[in-house]
């Protein structure tokens, strides 16, 4: 969950030793399934030198991306 991830990052930053560097990348994929063509996202990632395993993660995520609605314990077809 988002709160747990944020607490973990803050904890790692606070425990970092002098000279260590902490880098965080925060991504919001909430609307990637329905608002942007996946090929455009993947080509832009390649342009920004996101290749190899990280690019495969994004590709797999976007290929299996489905939008569903949950209401009163009922799940729509995605």
PDB file of N, CA and C in Angstrom:
ATOM      1  N   UNK A   1       0.833  -1.180   0.000  1.00  0.00           N
ATOM      2  CA  UNK A   1       0.000   0.000   0.000  1.00  0.00           C
ATOM      3  C   UNK A   1       0.876   1.242   0.000  1.00  0.00           C
ATOM      4  N   UNK A   2       0.309   2.346  -0.399  1.00  0.00           N
ATOM      5  CA  UNK A   2       1.071   3.578  -0.586  1.00  0.00           C
ATOM      6  C   UNK A   2       1.669   4.094   0.713  1.00  0.00           C
ATOM      7  N   UNK A   3       0.906   4.053   1.796  1.00  0.00           N
ATOM      8  CA  UNK A   3       1.407   4.552   3.083  1.00  0.00           C
ATOM      9  C   UNK A   3       2.610   3.750   3.541  1.00  0.00           C
ATOM     10  N   UNK A   4       2.525   2.448   3.440  1.00  0.00           N
ATOM     11  CA  UNK A   4       3.632   1.584   3.860  1.00  0.00           C
ATOM     12  C   UNK A   4       4.872   1.839   3.008  1.00  0.00           C
ATOM     13  N   UNK A   5       4.691   2.026   1.720  1.00  0.00           N
ATOM     14  CA  UNK A   5       5.831   2.306   0.841  1.00  0.00           C
ATOM     15  C   UNK A   5       6.483   3.628   1.214  1.00  0.00           C
ATOM     16  N   UNK A   6       5.679   4.643   1.498  1.00  0.00           N
ATOM     17  CA  UNK A   6       6.217   5.947   1.880  1.00  0.00           C
ATOM     18  C   UNK A   6       6.971   5.876   3.201  1.00  0.00           C
ATOM     19  N   UNK A   7       6.426   5.171   4.174  1.00  0.00           N
ATOM     20  CA  UNK A   7       7.105   5.003   5.465  1.00  0.00           C
ATOM     21  C   UNK A   7       8.432   4.281   5.264  1.00  0.00           C
ATOM     22  N   UNK A   8       8.446   3.277   4.406  1.00  0.00           N
ATOM     23  CA  UNK A   8       9.681   2.538   4.130  1.00  0.00           C
ATOM     24  C   UNK A   8      10.748   3.438   3.516  1.00  0.00           C
ATOM     25  N   UNK A   9      10.348   4.282   2.558  1.00  0.00           N
ATOM     26  CA  UNK A   9      11.306   5.186   1.912  1.00  0.00           C
ATOM     27  C   UNK A   9      11.853   6.193   2.913  1.00  0.00           C
ATOM     28  N   UNK A  10      10.980   6.783   3.709  1.00  0.00           N
ATOM     29  CA  UNK A  10      11.411   7.763   4.715  1.00  0.00           C
ATOM     30  C   UNK A  10      12.365   7.100   5.710  1.00  0.00           C
ATOM     31  N   UNK A  11      12.072   5.877   6.103  1.00  0.00           N
ATOM     32  CA  UNK A  11      12.940   5.150   7.027  1.00  0.00           C
ATOM     33  C   UNK A  11      14.317   4.906   6.419  1.00  0.00           C
ATOM     34  N   UNK A  12      14.361   4.495   5.166  1.00  0.00           N
ATOM     35  CA  UNK A  12      15.650   4.256   4.510  1.00  0.00           C
ATOM     36  C   UNK A  12      16.460   5.536   4.369  1.00  0.00           C
ATOM     37  N   UNK A  13      15.780   6.638   4.056  1.00  0.00           N
ATOM     38  CA  UNK A  13      16.478   7.916   3.932  1.00  0.00           C
ATOM     39  C   UNK A  13      17.047   8.335   5.282  1.00  0.00           C
ATOM     40  N   UNK A  14      16.253   8.177   6.325  1.00  0.00           N
ATOM     41  CA  UNK A  14      16.714   8.602   7.653  1.00  0.00           C
ATOM     42  C   UNK A  14      17.856   7.730   8.173  1.00  0.00           C
ATOM     43  N   UNK A  15      17.963   6.475   7.728  1.00  0.00           N
ATOM     44  CA  UNK A  15      19.042   5.589   8.166  1.00  0.00           C
ATOM     45  C   UNK A  15      20.264   5.642   7.258  1.00  0.00           C
ATOM     46  N   UNK A  16      20.191   6.407   6.180  1.00  0.00           N
ATOM     47  CA  UNK A  16      21.310   6.478   5.237  1.00  0.00           C
ATOM     48  C   UNK A  16      22.539   7.073   5.917  1.00  0.00           C
ATOM     49  N   UNK A  17      23.674   6.534   5.571  1.00  0.00           N
ATOM     50  CA  UNK A  17      24.934   7.026   6.117  1.00  0.00           C
ATOM     51  C   UNK A  17      25.425   8.192   5.282  1.00  0.00           C
ATOM     52  N   UNK A  18      26.298   8.979   5.870  1.00  0.00           N
ATOM     53  CA  UNK A  18      26.828  10.136   5.154  1.00  0.00           C
ATOM     54  C   UNK A  18      27.507   9.672   3.871  1.00  0.00           C
ATOM     55  N   UNK A  19      27.210  10.346   2.771  1.00  0.00           N
ATOM     56  CA  UNK A  19      27.780   9.992   1.473  1.00  0.00           C
ATOM     57  C   UNK A  19      26.891   9.074   0.660  1.00  0.00           C
ATOM     58  N   UNK A  20      25.902   8.444   1.283  1.00  0.00           N
ATOM     59  CA  UNK A  20      24.981   7.591   0.535  1.00  0.00           C
ATOM     60  C   UNK A  20      23.947   8.463  -0.177  1.00  0.00           C
ATOM     61  N   UNK A  21      23.462   7.956  -1.287  1.00  0.00           N
ATOM     62  CA  UNK A  21      22.475   8.680  -2.077  1.00  0.00           C
ATOM     63  C   UNK A  21      21.212   7.834  -2.148  1.00  0.00           C
ATOM     64  N   UNK A  22      20.079   8.475  -1.957  1.00  0.00           N
ATOM     65  CA  UNK A  22      18.792   7.798  -2.084  1.00  0.00           C
ATOM     66  C   UNK A  22      18.037   8.426  -3.240  1.00  0.00           C
ATOM     67  N   UNK A  23      17.545   7.589  -4.135  1.00  0.00           N
ATOM     68  CA  UNK A  23      16.792   8.061  -5.293  1.00  0.00           C
ATOM     69  C   UNK A  23      15.419   7.410  -5.257  1.00  0.00           C
ATOM     70  N   UNK A  24      14.395   8.200  -5.464  1.00  0.00           N
ATOM     71  CA  UNK A  24      13.036   7.671  -5.503  1.00  0.00           C
ATOM     72  C   UNK A  24      12.376   8.020  -6.817  1.00  0.00           C
ATOM     73  N   UNK A  25      11.654   7.062  -7.354  1.00  0.00           N
ATOM     74  CA  UNK A  25      10.882   7.294  -8.574  1.00  0.00           C
ATOM     75  C   UNK A  25       9.431   6.981  -8.233  1.00  0.00           C
ATOM     76  N   UNK A  26       8.583   7.982  -8.343  1.00  0.00           N
ATOM     77  CA  UNK A  26       7.175   7.808  -8.026  1.00  0.00           C
ATOM     78  C   UNK A  26       6.368   7.914  -9.312  1.00  0.00           C
ATOM     79  N   UNK A  27       5.577   6.900  -9.567  1.00  0.00           N
ATOM     80  CA  UNK A  27       4.788   6.851 -10.791  1.00  0.00           C
ATOM     81  C   UNK A  27       3.320   6.653 -10.448  1.00  0.00           C
ATOM     82  N   UNK A  28       2.456   7.312 -11.157  1.00  0.00           N
ATOM     83  CA  UNK A  28       1.018   7.163 -10.967  1.00  0.00           C
ATOM     84  C   UNK A  28       0.434   6.582 -12.248  1.00  0.00           C
ATOM     85  N   UNK A  29       0.031   5.326 -12.173  1.00  0.00           N
ATOM     86  CA  UNK A  29      -0.496   4.634 -13.349  1.00  0.00           C
ATOM     87  C   UNK A  29      -2.020   4.555 -13.347  1.00  0.00           C
ATOM     88  N   UNK A  30      -2.657   5.372 -12.554  1.00  0.00           N
ATOM     89  CA  UNK A  30      -4.098   5.280 -12.386  1.00  0.00           C
ATOM     90  C   UNK A  30      -4.859   5.316 -13.709  1.00  0.00           C
ATOM     91  N   UNK A  31      -4.455   6.134 -14.650  1.00  0.00           N
ATOM     92  CA  UNK A  31      -5.225   6.291 -15.882  1.00  0.00           C
ATOM     93  C   UNK A  31      -4.532   5.723 -17.127  1.00  0.00           C
ATOM     94  N   UNK A  32      -3.447   4.980 -16.950  1.00  0.00           N
ATOM     95  CA  UNK A  32      -2.737   4.477 -18.122  1.00  0.00           C
ATOM     96  C   UNK A  32      -3.553   3.484 -18.931  1.00  0.00           C
ATOM     97  N   UNK A  33      -4.492   2.827 -18.310  1.00  0.00           N
ATOM     98  CA  UNK A  33      -5.265   1.816 -19.027  1.00  0.00           C
ATOM     99  C   UNK A  33      -6.259   2.413 -19.997  1.00  0.00           C
ATOM    100  N   UNK A  34      -6.720   3.643 -19.722  1.00  0.00           N
ATOM    101  CA  UNK A  34      -7.810   4.151 -20.548  1.00  0.00           C
ATOM    102  C   UNK A  34      -7.556   5.504 -21.203  1.00  0.00           C
ATOM    103  N   UNK A  35      -6.410   6.133 -20.974  1.00  0.00           N
ATOM    104  CA  UNK A  35      -6.234   7.470 -21.521  1.00  0.00           C
ATOM    105  C   UNK A  35      -5.040   7.633 -22.462  1.00  0.00           C
ATOM    106  N   UNK A  36      -4.072   6.736 -22.415  1.00  0.00           N
ATOM    107  CA  UNK A  36      -2.867   6.884 -23.228  1.00  0.00           C
ATOM    108  C   UNK A  36      -2.611   5.583 -23.984  1.00  0.00           C
ATOM    109  N   UNK A  37      -2.215   5.705 -25.245  1.00  0.00           N
ATOM    110  CA  UNK A  37      -1.871   4.505 -26.006  1.00  0.00           C
ATOM    111  C   UNK A  37      -0.597   3.888 -25.430  1.00  0.00           C
ATOM    112  N   UNK A  38      -0.657   2.610 -25.150  1.00  0.00           N
ATOM    113  CA  UNK A  38       0.455   1.924 -24.502  1.00  0.00           C
ATOM    114  C   UNK A  38       1.740   1.988 -25.317  1.00  0.00           C
ATOM    115  N   UNK A  39       1.628   1.928 -26.637  1.00  0.00           N
ATOM    116  CA  UNK A  39       2.826   1.991 -27.484  1.00  0.00           C
ATOM    117  C   UNK A  39       3.552   3.319 -27.288  1.00  0.00           C
ATOM    118  N   UNK A  40       2.802   4.392 -27.076  1.00  0.00           N
ATOM    119  CA  UNK A  40       3.422   5.705 -26.856  1.00  0.00           C
ATOM    120  C   UNK A  40       4.203   5.709 -25.550  1.00  0.00           C
ATOM    121  N   UNK A  41       3.598   5.177 -24.491  1.00  0.00           N
ATOM    122  CA  UNK A  41       4.284   5.117 -23.197  1.00  0.00           C
ATOM    123  C   UNK A  41       5.572   4.318 -23.318  1.00  0.00           C
ATOM    124  N   UNK A  42       5.488   3.134 -23.938  1.00  0.00           N
ATOM    125  CA  UNK A  42       6.648   2.258 -24.035  1.00  0.00           C
ATOM    126  C   UNK A  42       7.751   2.872 -24.896  1.00  0.00           C
ATOM    127  N   UNK A  43       7.384   3.565 -25.954  1.00  0.00           N
ATOM    128  CA  UNK A  43       8.411   4.196 -26.790  1.00  0.00           C
ATOM    129  C   UNK A  43       9.077   5.358 -26.057  1.00  0.00           C
ATOM    130  N   UNK A  44       8.305   6.107 -25.269  1.00  0.00           N
ATOM    131  CA  UNK A  44       8.901   7.190 -24.489  1.00  0.00           C
ATOM    132  C   UNK A  44       9.851   6.653 -23.422  1.00  0.00           C
ATOM    133  N   UNK A  45       9.497   5.529 -22.814  1.00  0.00           N
ATOM    134  CA  UNK A  45      10.404   4.918 -21.838  1.00  0.00           C
ATOM    135  C   UNK A  45      11.730   4.551 -22.500  1.00  0.00           C
ATOM    136  N   UNK A  46      11.663   3.994 -23.704  1.00  0.00           N
ATOM    137  CA  UNK A  46      12.899   3.664 -24.427  1.00  0.00           C
ATOM    138  C   UNK A  46      13.705   4.926 -24.731  1.00  0.00           C
ATOM    139  N   UNK A  47      13.018   5.997 -25.113  1.00  0.00           N
ATOM    140  CA  UNK A  47      13.695   7.254 -25.412  1.00  0.00           C
ATOM    141  C   UNK A  47      14.438   7.795 -24.184  1.00  0.00           C
ATOM    142  N   UNK A  48      13.859   7.543 -22.987  1.00  0.00           N
ATOM    143  CA  UNK A  48      14.500   7.996 -21.747  1.00  0.00           C
ATOM    144  C   UNK A  48      15.441   6.945 -21.166  1.00  0.00           C
ATOM    145  N   UNK A  49      15.830   5.980 -22.009  1.00  0.00           N
ATOM    146  CA  UNK A  49      16.808   4.954 -21.643  1.00  0.00           C
ATOM    147  C   UNK A  49      16.313   3.973 -20.576  1.00  0.00           C
ATOM    148  N   UNK A  50      15.001   3.779 -20.484  1.00  0.00           N
ATOM    149  CA  UNK A  50      14.439   2.753 -19.606  1.00  0.00           C
ATOM    150  C   UNK A  50      14.357   1.494 -20.452  1.00  0.00           C
ATOM    151  N   UNK A  51      15.289   0.579 -20.238  1.00  0.00           N
ATOM    152  CA  UNK A  51      15.398  -0.622 -21.069  1.00  0.00           C
ATOM    153  C   UNK A  51      15.526  -1.856 -20.192  1.00  0.00           C
ATOM    154  N   UNK A  52      15.628  -2.988 -20.819  1.00  0.00           N
ATOM    155  CA  UNK A  52      15.867  -4.240 -20.097  1.00  0.00           C
ATOM    156  C   UNK A  52      14.715  -4.615 -19.185  1.00  0.00           C
ATOM    157  N   UNK A  53      15.059  -5.086 -17.993  1.00  0.00           N
ATOM    158  CA  UNK A  53      14.056  -5.578 -17.046  1.00  0.00           C
ATOM    159  C   UNK A  53      13.009  -4.521 -16.689  1.00  0.00           C
ATOM    160  N   UNK A  54      13.405  -3.278 -16.372  1.00  0.00           N
ATOM    161  CA  UNK A  54      12.358  -2.286 -16.056  1.00  0.00           C
ATOM    162  C   UNK A  54      11.373  -2.072 -17.209  1.00  0.00           C
ATOM    163  N   UNK A  55      11.884  -2.062 -18.445  1.00  0.00           N
ATOM    164  CA  UNK A  55      10.985  -1.894 -19.598  1.00  0.00           C
ATOM    165  C   UNK A  55      10.052  -3.094 -19.720  1.00  0.00           C
ATOM    166  N   UNK A  56      10.562  -4.281 -19.449  1.00  0.00           N
ATOM    167  CA  UNK A  56       9.712  -5.483 -19.478  1.00  0.00           C
ATOM    168  C   UNK A  56       8.607  -5.404 -18.426  1.00  0.00           C
ATOM    169  N   UNK A  57       8.931  -4.874 -17.243  1.00  0.00           N
ATOM    170  CA  UNK A  57       7.917  -4.719 -16.193  1.00  0.00           C
ATOM    171  C   UNK A  57       6.772  -3.849 -16.689  1.00  0.00           C
ATOM    172  N   UNK A  58       7.124  -2.684 -17.282  1.00  0.00           N
ATOM    173  CA  UNK A  58       6.099  -1.778 -17.789  1.00  0.00           C
ATOM    174  C   UNK A  58       5.298  -2.427 -18.910  1.00  0.00           C
ATOM    175  N   UNK A  59       5.989  -3.118 -19.808  1.00  0.00           N
ATOM    176  CA  UNK A  59       5.316  -3.783 -20.921  1.00  0.00           C
ATOM    177  C   UNK A  59       4.319  -4.812 -20.411  1.00  0.00           C
ATOM    178  N   UNK A  60       4.758  -5.662 -19.481  1.00  0.00           N
ATOM    179  CA  UNK A  60       3.876  -6.687 -18.933  1.00  0.00           C
ATOM    180  C   UNK A  60       2.698  -6.080 -18.194  1.00  0.00           C
ATOM    181  N   UNK A  61       2.953  -5.001 -17.461  1.00  0.00           N
ATOM    182  CA  UNK A  61       1.878  -4.332 -16.740  1.00  0.00           C
ATOM    183  C   UNK A  61       0.836  -3.788 -17.723  1.00  0.00           C
ATOM    184  N   UNK A  62       1.299  -3.102 -18.747  1.00  0.00           N
ATOM    185  CA  UNK A  62       0.372  -2.479 -19.684  1.00  0.00           C
ATOM    186  C   UNK A  62      -0.367  -3.508 -20.535  1.00  0.00           C
ATOM    187  N   UNK A  63       0.279  -4.608 -20.882  1.00  0.00           N
ATOM    188  CA  UNK A  63      -0.385  -5.630 -21.684  1.00  0.00           C
ATOM    189  C   UNK A  63      -1.507  -6.304 -20.914  1.00  0.00           C
ATOM    190  N   UNK A  64      -1.349  -6.429 -19.613  1.00  0.00           N
ATOM    191  CA  UNK A  64      -2.372  -7.085 -18.795  1.00  0.00           C
ATOM    192  C   UNK A  64      -3.303  -6.106 -18.110  1.00  0.00           C
ATOM    193  N   UNK A  65      -3.210  -4.845 -18.471  1.00  0.00           N
ATOM    194  CA  UNK A  65      -3.965  -3.796 -17.802  1.00  0.00           C
ATOM    195  C   UNK A  65      -5.449  -3.905 -18.123  1.00  0.00           C
ATOM    196  N   UNK A  66      -6.268  -3.902 -17.087  1.00  0.00           N
ATOM    197  CA  UNK A  66      -7.708  -3.923 -17.262  1.00  0.00           C
ATOM    198  C   UNK A  66      -8.330  -2.944 -16.277  1.00  0.00           C
ATOM    199  N   UNK A  67      -9.423  -2.348 -16.669  1.00  0.00           N
ATOM    200  CA  UNK A  67     -10.132  -1.458 -15.772  1.00  0.00           C
ATOM    201  C   UNK A  67     -11.368  -2.180 -15.264  1.00  0.00           C
ATOM    202  N   UNK A  68     -11.550  -2.165 -13.948  1.00  0.00           N
ATOM    203  CA  UNK A  68     -12.717  -2.795 -13.339  1.00  0.00           C
ATOM    204  C   UNK A  68     -13.283  -1.877 -12.271  1.00  0.00           C
ATOM    205  N   UNK A  69     -14.529  -2.086 -11.975  1.00  0.00           N
ATOM    206  CA  UNK A  69     -15.196  -1.323 -10.916  1.00  0.00           C
ATOM    207  C   UNK A  69     -15.665  -2.304  -9.862  1.00  0.00           C
ATOM    208  N   UNK A  70     -15.398  -1.963  -8.597  1.00  0.00           N
ATOM    209  CA  UNK A  70     -15.884  -2.776  -7.490  1.00  0.00           C
ATOM    210  C   UNK A  70     -16.897  -1.938  -6.722  1.00  0.00           C
ATOM    211  N   UNK A  71     -18.110  -2.480  -6.576  1.00  0.00           N
ATOM    212  CA  UNK A  71     -19.157  -1.795  -5.849  1.00  0.00           C
ATOM    213  C   UNK A  71     -19.961  -2.818  -5.081  1.00  0.00           C
ATOM    214  N   UNK A  72     -20.075  -2.621  -3.770  1.00  0.00           N
ATOM    215  CA  UNK A  72     -20.811  -3.567  -2.910  1.00  0.00           C
ATOM    216  C   UNK A  72     -20.365  -5.007  -3.136  1.00  0.00           C
ATOM    217  N   UNK A  73     -19.063  -5.209  -3.163  1.00  0.00           N
ATOM    218  CA  UNK A  73     -18.463  -6.538  -3.345  1.00  0.00           C
ATOM    219  C   UNK A  73     -18.774  -7.182  -4.700  1.00  0.00           C
ATOM    220  N   UNK A  74     -19.269  -6.422  -5.658  1.00  0.00           N
ATOM    221  CA  UNK A  74     -19.480  -6.921  -7.014  1.00  0.00           C
ATOM    222  C   UNK A  74     -18.419  -6.321  -7.913  1.00  0.00           C
ATOM    223  N   UNK A  75     -17.815  -7.160  -8.749  1.00  0.00           N
ATOM    224  CA  UNK A  75     -16.734  -6.723  -9.640  1.00  0.00           C
ATOM    225  C   UNK A  75     -17.240  -6.761 -11.078  1.00  0.00           C
ATOM    226  N   UNK A  76     -17.036  -5.647 -11.789  1.00  0.00           N
ATOM    227  CA  UNK A  76     -17.449  -5.594 -13.189  1.00  0.00           C
ATOM    228  C   UNK A  76     -16.524  -6.453 -14.040  1.00  0.00           C
ATOM    229  N   UNK A  77     -16.968  -6.794 -15.237  1.00  0.00           N
ATOM    230  CA  UNK A  77     -16.120  -7.501 -16.180  1.00  0.00           C
ATOM    231  C   UNK A  77     -15.127  -6.506 -16.747  1.00  0.00           C
ATOM    232  N   UNK A  78     -13.830  -6.902 -16.811  1.00  0.00           N
ATOM    233  CA  UNK A  78     -12.824  -5.976 -17.305  1.00  0.00           C
ATOM    234  C   UNK A  78     -12.371  -6.323 -18.615  1.00  0.00           C
TER     235      UNK A  78
END
